[in-house]
Amino acid sequence: MAGLAHLEFDEPGLEKMAAEMTKILSYIDQLAEVDVSGVAAPAVAPTPMRDDVPRPSVARELVGAQCAGLE
């Protein structure tokens, strides 16, 4: 998993991370065992979304000029 996330650990750090991940996964397993059959889902209003309106993209020359000024 560390490789997929592009993280590097020394051996003690890797062992600590593995132990922490084991705790997290064990906790998730415990949550999956909880009986929630009598619990109603919360009534949540949907998140308002803005209309998806196409807009012109930023000119590459302007972005390049701005980035060159940061160096």
PDB file of N, CA and C in Angstrom:
ATOM      1  N   MET A   1       0.823  -1.182   0.000  1.00  0.00           N
ATOM      2  CA  MET A   1       0.000   0.000   0.000  1.00  0.00           C
ATOM      3  C   MET A   1       0.875   1.256   0.000  1.00  0.00           C
ATOM      4  N   ALA A   2       1.972   1.209   0.733  1.00  0.00           N
ATOM      5  CA  ALA A   2       2.869   2.365   0.769  1.00  0.00           C
ATOM      6  C   ALA A   2       3.414   2.667  -0.624  1.00  0.00           C
ATOM      7  N   GLY A   3       3.699   1.636  -1.388  1.00  0.00           N
ATOM      8  CA  GLY A   3       4.200   1.832  -2.739  1.00  0.00           C
ATOM      9  C   GLY A   3       3.174   2.515  -3.633  1.00  0.00           C
ATOM     10  N   LEU A   4       1.903   2.124  -3.480  1.00  0.00           N
ATOM     11  CA  LEU A   4       0.851   2.756  -4.271  1.00  0.00           C
ATOM     12  C   LEU A   4       0.688   4.231  -3.921  1.00  0.00           C
ATOM     13  N   ALA A   5       0.928   4.563  -2.648  1.00  0.00           N
ATOM     14  CA  ALA A   5       0.800   5.955  -2.195  1.00  0.00           C
ATOM     15  C   ALA A   5       2.107   6.726  -2.363  1.00  0.00           C
ATOM     16  N   HIS A   6       3.118   6.075  -2.919  1.00  0.00           N
ATOM     17  CA  HIS A   6       4.442   6.680  -3.116  1.00  0.00           C
ATOM     18  C   HIS A   6       5.034   7.156  -1.792  1.00  0.00           C
ATOM     19  N   LEU A   7       4.914   6.306  -0.756  1.00  0.00           N
ATOM     20  CA  LEU A   7       5.482   6.592   0.550  1.00  0.00           C
ATOM     21  C   LEU A   7       6.661   5.654   0.780  1.00  0.00           C
ATOM     22  N   GLU A   8       7.656   6.149   1.476  1.00  0.00           N
ATOM     23  CA  GLU A   8       8.806   5.316   1.814  1.00  0.00           C
ATOM     24  C   GLU A   8       8.960   5.281   3.327  1.00  0.00           C
ATOM     25  N   PHE A   9       9.189   4.090   3.865  1.00  0.00           N
ATOM     26  CA  PHE A   9       9.377   3.910   5.294  1.00  0.00           C
ATOM     27  C   PHE A   9      10.638   3.101   5.537  1.00  0.00           C
ATOM     28  N   ASP A  10      11.296   3.377   6.653  1.00  0.00           N
ATOM     29  CA  ASP A  10      12.357   2.473   7.067  1.00  0.00           C
ATOM     30  C   ASP A  10      11.670   1.268   7.719  1.00  0.00           C
ATOM     31  N   GLU A  11      12.415   0.254   8.088  1.00  0.00           N
ATOM     32  CA  GLU A  11      11.815  -0.979   8.612  1.00  0.00           C
ATOM     33  C   GLU A  11      10.966  -0.740   9.865  1.00  0.00           C
ATOM     34  N   PRO A  12      11.453   0.012  10.863  1.00  0.00           N
ATOM     35  CA  PRO A  12      10.596   0.264  12.039  1.00  0.00           C
ATOM     36  C   PRO A  12       9.333   1.055  11.676  1.00  0.00           C
ATOM     37  N   GLY A  13       9.469   2.008  10.779  1.00  0.00           N
ATOM     38  CA  GLY A  13       8.311   2.791  10.361  1.00  0.00           C
ATOM     39  C   GLY A  13       7.294   1.944   9.620  1.00  0.00           C
ATOM     40  N   LEU A  14       7.781   1.033   8.789  1.00  0.00           N
ATOM     41  CA  LEU A  14       6.904   0.138   8.047  1.00  0.00           C
ATOM     42  C   LEU A  14       6.144  -0.785   8.993  1.00  0.00           C
ATOM     43  N   GLU A  15       6.851  -1.292  10.011  1.00  0.00           N
ATOM     44  CA  GLU A  15       6.200  -2.160  10.995  1.00  0.00           C
ATOM     45  C   GLU A  15       5.138  -1.393  11.779  1.00  0.00           C
ATOM     46  N   LYS A  16       5.433  -0.154  12.141  1.00  0.00           N
ATOM     47  CA  LYS A  16       4.466   0.663  12.875  1.00  0.00           C
ATOM     48  C   LYS A  16       3.247   0.943  12.002  1.00  0.00           C
ATOM     49  N   MET A  17       3.457   1.285  10.735  1.00  0.00           N
ATOM     50  CA  MET A  17       2.357   1.573   9.829  1.00  0.00           C
ATOM     51  C   MET A  17       1.504   0.323   9.618  1.00  0.00           C
ATOM     52  N   ALA A  18       2.127  -0.829   9.490  1.00  0.00           N
ATOM     53  CA  ALA A  18       1.387  -2.081   9.309  1.00  0.00           C
ATOM     54  C   ALA A  18       0.520  -2.369  10.535  1.00  0.00           C
ATOM     55  N   ALA A  19       1.061  -2.115  11.716  1.00  0.00           N
ATOM     56  CA  ALA A  19       0.291  -2.336  12.946  1.00  0.00           C
ATOM     57  C   ALA A  19      -0.896  -1.383  13.017  1.00  0.00           C
ATOM     58  N   GLU A  20      -0.694  -0.136  12.639  1.00  0.00           N
ATOM     59  CA  GLU A  20      -1.780   0.838  12.649  1.00  0.00           C
ATOM     60  C   GLU A  20      -2.869   0.453  11.639  1.00  0.00           C
ATOM     61  N   MET A  21      -2.462   0.013  10.461  1.00  0.00           N
ATOM     62  CA  MET A  21      -3.439  -0.399   9.451  1.00  0.00           C
ATOM     63  C   MET A  21      -4.230  -1.618   9.928  1.00  0.00           C
ATOM     64  N   THR A  22      -3.564  -2.528  10.619  1.00  0.00           N
ATOM     65  CA  THR A  22      -4.250  -3.705  11.164  1.00  0.00           C
ATOM     66  C   THR A  22      -5.306  -3.270  12.172  1.00  0.00           C
ATOM     67  N   LYS A  23      -4.983  -2.301  13.031  1.00  0.00           N
ATOM     68  CA  LYS A  23      -5.956  -1.784  13.999  1.00  0.00           C
ATOM     69  C   LYS A  23      -7.156  -1.161  13.285  1.00  0.00           C
ATOM     70  N   ILE A  24      -6.892  -0.381  12.262  1.00  0.00           N
ATOM     71  CA  ILE A  24      -7.969   0.287  11.517  1.00  0.00           C
ATOM     72  C   ILE A  24      -8.876  -0.749  10.855  1.00  0.00           C
ATOM     73  N   LEU A  25      -8.282  -1.739  10.201  1.00  0.00           N
ATOM     74  CA  LEU A  25      -9.075  -2.763   9.527  1.00  0.00           C
ATOM     75  C   LEU A  25      -9.862  -3.605  10.521  1.00  0.00           C
ATOM     76  N   SER A  26      -9.297  -3.866  11.695  1.00  0.00           N
ATOM     77  CA  SER A  26     -10.014  -4.600  12.737  1.00  0.00           C
ATOM     78  C   SER A  26     -11.209  -3.797  13.224  1.00  0.00           C
ATOM     79  N   TYR A  27     -11.041  -2.497  13.371  1.00  0.00           N
ATOM     80  CA  TYR A  27     -12.134  -1.638  13.800  1.00  0.00           C
ATOM     81  C   TYR A  27     -13.245  -1.623  12.749  1.00  0.00           C
ATOM     82  N   ILE A  28     -12.878  -1.580  11.485  1.00  0.00           N
ATOM     83  CA  ILE A  28     -13.875  -1.619  10.410  1.00  0.00           C
ATOM     84  C   ILE A  28     -14.642  -2.938  10.462  1.00  0.00           C
ATOM     85  N   ASP A  29     -13.959  -4.037  10.730  1.00  0.00           N
ATOM     86  CA  ASP A  29     -14.633  -5.331  10.870  1.00  0.00           C
ATOM     87  C   ASP A  29     -15.621  -5.301  12.029  1.00  0.00           C
ATOM     88  N   GLN A  30     -15.242  -4.663  13.138  1.00  0.00           N
ATOM     89  CA  GLN A  30     -16.152  -4.554  14.289  1.00  0.00           C
ATOM     90  C   GLN A  30     -17.391  -3.751  13.906  1.00  0.00           C
ATOM     91  N   LEU A  31     -17.219  -2.676  13.186  1.00  0.00           N
ATOM     92  CA  LEU A  31     -18.355  -1.850  12.783  1.00  0.00           C
ATOM     93  C   LEU A  31     -19.303  -2.611  11.866  1.00  0.00           C
ATOM     94  N   ALA A  32     -18.754  -3.475  11.030  1.00  0.00           N
ATOM     95  CA  ALA A  32     -19.579  -4.250  10.105  1.00  0.00           C
ATOM     96  C   ALA A  32     -20.482  -5.235  10.850  1.00  0.00           C
ATOM     97  N   GLU A  33     -20.106  -5.603  12.081  1.00  0.00           N
ATOM     98  CA  GLU A  33     -20.881  -6.558  12.864  1.00  0.00           C
ATOM     99  C   GLU A  33     -22.034  -5.897  13.623  1.00  0.00           C
ATOM    100  N   VAL A  34     -22.082  -4.588  13.691  1.00  0.00           N
ATOM    101  CA  VAL A  34     -23.115  -3.892  14.445  1.00  0.00           C
ATOM    102  C   VAL A  34     -24.458  -4.031  13.746  1.00  0.00           C
ATOM    103  N   ASP A  35     -25.488  -4.403  14.529  1.00  0.00           N
ATOM    104  CA  ASP A  35     -26.840  -4.548  13.979  1.00  0.00           C
ATOM    105  C   ASP A  35     -27.491  -3.172  13.911  1.00  0.00           C
ATOM    106  N   VAL A  36     -27.724  -2.684  12.708  1.00  0.00           N
ATOM    107  CA  VAL A  36     -28.349  -1.377  12.507  1.00  0.00           C
ATOM    108  C   VAL A  36     -29.711  -1.527  11.821  1.00  0.00           C
ATOM    109  N   SER A  37     -30.285  -2.731  11.891  1.00  0.00           N
ATOM    110  CA  SER A  37     -31.539  -2.984  11.183  1.00  0.00           C
ATOM    111  C   SER A  37     -32.688  -2.111  11.688  1.00  0.00           C
ATOM    112  N   GLY A  38     -32.684  -1.701  12.961  1.00  0.00           N
ATOM    113  CA  GLY A  38     -33.763  -0.876  13.494  1.00  0.00           C
ATOM    114  C   GLY A  38     -33.483   0.612  13.438  1.00  0.00           C
ATOM    115  N   VAL A  39     -32.393   0.999  12.839  1.00  0.00           N
ATOM    116  CA  VAL A  39     -32.009   2.409  12.796  1.00  0.00           C
ATOM    117  C   VAL A  39     -32.376   2.985  11.432  1.00  0.00           C
ATOM    118  N   ALA A  40     -33.130   4.081  11.472  1.00  0.00           N
ATOM    119  CA  ALA A  40     -33.523   4.723  10.214  1.00  0.00           C
ATOM    120  C   ALA A  40     -32.367   5.563   9.683  1.00  0.00           C
ATOM    121  N   ALA A  41     -32.265   5.616   8.386  1.00  0.00           N
ATOM    122  CA  ALA A  41     -31.233   6.453   7.760  1.00  0.00           C
ATOM    123  C   ALA A  41     -31.568   7.921   8.018  1.00  0.00           C
ATOM    124  N   PRO A  42     -30.567   8.752   8.254  1.00  0.00           N
ATOM    125  CA  PRO A  42     -30.844  10.167   8.510  1.00  0.00           C
ATOM    126  C   PRO A  42     -31.419  10.848   7.267  1.00  0.00           C
ATOM    127  N   ALA A  43     -32.327  11.761   7.519  1.00  0.00           N
ATOM    128  CA  ALA A  43     -32.901  12.532   6.413  1.00  0.00           C
ATOM    129  C   ALA A  43     -31.960  13.692   6.120  1.00  0.00           C
ATOM    130  N   VAL A  44     -31.210  13.573   5.062  1.00  0.00           N
ATOM    131  CA  VAL A  44     -30.225  14.589   4.699  1.00  0.00           C
ATOM    132  C   VAL A  44     -30.632  15.203   3.372  1.00  0.00           C
ATOM    133  N   ALA A  45     -30.669  16.524   3.349  1.00  0.00           N
ATOM    134  CA  ALA A  45     -30.985  17.209   2.097  1.00  0.00           C
ATOM    135  C   ALA A  45     -29.821  17.039   1.133  1.00  0.00           C
ATOM    136  N   PRO A  46     -30.099  16.881  -0.149  1.00  0.00           N
ATOM    137  CA  PRO A  46     -29.001  16.735  -1.111  1.00  0.00           C
ATOM    138  C   PRO A  46     -28.171  18.018  -1.191  1.00  0.00           C
ATOM    139  N   THR A  47     -26.915  17.841  -1.471  1.00  0.00           N
ATOM    140  CA  THR A  47     -26.019  18.984  -1.620  1.00  0.00           C
ATOM    141  C   THR A  47     -26.369  19.732  -2.899  1.00  0.00           C
ATOM    142  N   PRO A  48     -26.594  21.032  -2.786  1.00  0.00           N
ATOM    143  CA  PRO A  48     -26.923  21.769  -4.018  1.00  0.00           C
ATOM    144  C   PRO A  48     -25.720  21.788  -4.957  1.00  0.00           C
ATOM    145  N   MET A  49     -25.991  21.611  -6.207  1.00  0.00           N
ATOM    146  CA  MET A  49     -24.924  21.587  -7.201  1.00  0.00           C
ATOM    147  C   MET A  49     -25.152  22.740  -8.173  1.00  0.00           C
ATOM    148  N   ARG A  50     -24.074  23.338  -8.610  1.00  0.00           N
ATOM    149  CA  ARG A  50     -24.200  24.398  -9.601  1.00  0.00           C
ATOM    150  C   ARG A  50     -24.354  23.767 -10.976  1.00  0.00           C
ATOM    151  N   ASP A  51     -24.921  24.513 -11.888  1.00  0.00           N
ATOM    152  CA  ASP A  51     -25.037  24.023 -13.256  1.00  0.00           C
ATOM    153  C   ASP A  51     -23.648  23.865 -13.858  1.00  0.00           C
ATOM    154  N   ASP A  52     -23.468  22.817 -14.626  1.00  0.00           N
ATOM    155  CA  ASP A  52     -22.194  22.570 -15.300  1.00  0.00           C
ATOM    156  C   ASP A  52     -22.200  23.354 -16.611  1.00  0.00           C
ATOM    157  N   VAL A  53     -21.554  24.507 -16.567  1.00  0.00           N
ATOM    158  CA  VAL A  53     -21.542  25.394 -17.733  1.00  0.00           C
ATOM    159  C   VAL A  53     -20.132  25.416 -18.318  1.00  0.00           C
ATOM    160  N   PRO A  54     -19.984  25.061 -19.594  1.00  0.00           N
ATOM    161  CA  PRO A  54     -18.642  25.091 -20.197  1.00  0.00           C
ATOM    162  C   PRO A  54     -18.097  26.516 -20.230  1.00  0.00           C
ATOM    163  N   ARG A  55     -16.803  26.636 -19.949  1.00  0.00           N
ATOM    164  CA  ARG A  55     -16.130  27.932 -20.006  1.00  0.00           C
ATOM    165  C   ARG A  55     -14.845  27.765 -20.791  1.00  0.00           C
ATOM    166  N   PRO A  56     -14.357  28.843 -21.364  1.00  0.00           N
ATOM    167  CA  PRO A  56     -13.085  28.731 -22.095  1.00  0.00           C
ATOM    168  C   PRO A  56     -11.945  28.436 -21.111  1.00  0.00           C
ATOM    169  N   SER A  57     -10.946  27.715 -21.584  1.00  0.00           N
ATOM    170  CA  SER A  57      -9.807  27.389 -20.735  1.00  0.00           C
ATOM    171  C   SER A  57      -8.855  28.581 -20.632  1.00  0.00           C
ATOM    172  N   VAL A  58      -7.923  28.469 -19.716  1.00  0.00           N
ATOM    173  CA  VAL A  58      -6.929  29.518 -19.506  1.00  0.00           C
ATOM    174  C   VAL A  58      -5.884  29.431 -20.615  1.00  0.00           C
ATOM    175  N   ALA A  59      -5.429  30.554 -21.086  1.00  0.00           N
ATOM    176  CA  ALA A  59      -4.414  30.586 -22.144  1.00  0.00           C
ATOM    177  C   ALA A  59      -3.094  30.034 -21.617  1.00  0.00           C
ATOM    178  N   ARG A  60      -2.517  29.095 -22.314  1.00  0.00           N
ATOM    179  CA  ARG A  60      -1.251  28.479 -21.885  1.00  0.00           C
ATOM    180  C   ARG A  60      -0.130  29.499 -21.752  1.00  0.00           C
ATOM    181  N   GLU A  61      -0.118  30.486 -22.619  1.00  0.00           N
ATOM    182  CA  GLU A  61       0.942  31.503 -22.580  1.00  0.00           C
ATOM    183  C   GLU A  61       0.904  32.273 -21.258  1.00  0.00           C
ATOM    184  N   LEU A  62      -0.295  32.584 -20.786  1.00  0.00           N
ATOM    185  CA  LEU A  62      -0.423  33.315 -19.527  1.00  0.00           C
ATOM    186  C   LEU A  62       0.045  32.463 -18.338  1.00  0.00           C
ATOM    187  N   VAL A  63      -0.310  31.196 -18.354  1.00  0.00           N
ATOM    188  CA  VAL A  63       0.106  30.293 -17.280  1.00  0.00           C
ATOM    189  C   VAL A  63       1.626  30.146 -17.298  1.00  0.00           C
ATOM    190  N   GLY A  64       2.187  29.962 -18.469  1.00  0.00           N
ATOM    191  CA  GLY A  64       3.652  29.842 -18.591  1.00  0.00           C
ATOM    192  C   GLY A  64       4.352  31.084 -18.096  1.00  0.00           C
ATOM    193  N   ALA A  65       3.800  32.262 -18.402  1.00  0.00           N
ATOM    194  CA  ALA A  65       4.421  33.524 -17.960  1.00  0.00           C
ATOM    195  C   ALA A  65       4.345  33.650 -16.446  1.00  0.00           C
ATOM    196  N   GLN A  66       3.224  33.259 -15.856  1.00  0.00           N
ATOM    197  CA  GLN A  66       3.066  33.320 -14.399  1.00  0.00           C
ATOM    198  C   GLN A  66       4.031  32.355 -13.710  1.00  0.00           C
ATOM    199  N   CYS A  67       4.164  31.157 -14.248  1.00  0.00           N
ATOM    200  CA  CYS A  67       5.043  30.153 -13.655  1.00  0.00           C
ATOM    201  C   CYS A  67       6.508  30.557 -13.780  1.00  0.00           C
ATOM    202  N   ALA A  68       6.861  31.200 -14.877  1.00  0.00           N
ATOM    203  CA  ALA A  68       8.241  31.620 -15.078  1.00  0.00           C
ATOM    204  C   ALA A  68       8.606  32.689 -14.050  1.00  0.00           C
ATOM    205  N   GLY A  69       7.647  33.499 -13.655  1.00  0.00           N
ATOM    206  CA  GLY A  69       7.908  34.542 -12.660  1.00  0.00           C
ATOM    207  C   GLY A  69       8.095  34.014 -11.249  1.00  0.00           C
ATOM    208  N   LEU A  70       7.718  32.757 -10.999  1.00  0.00           N
ATOM    209  CA  LEU A  70       7.849  32.157  -9.669  1.00  0.00           C
ATOM    210  C   LEU A  70       9.230  31.566  -9.423  1.00  0.00           C
ATOM    211  N   GLU A  71       9.991  31.371 -10.449  1.00  0.00           N
ATOM    212  CA  GLU A  71      11.307  30.714 -10.316  1.00  0.00           C
ATOM    213  C   GLU A  71      12.338  31.623  -9.730  1.00  0.00           C
TER     214      GLU A  71
END
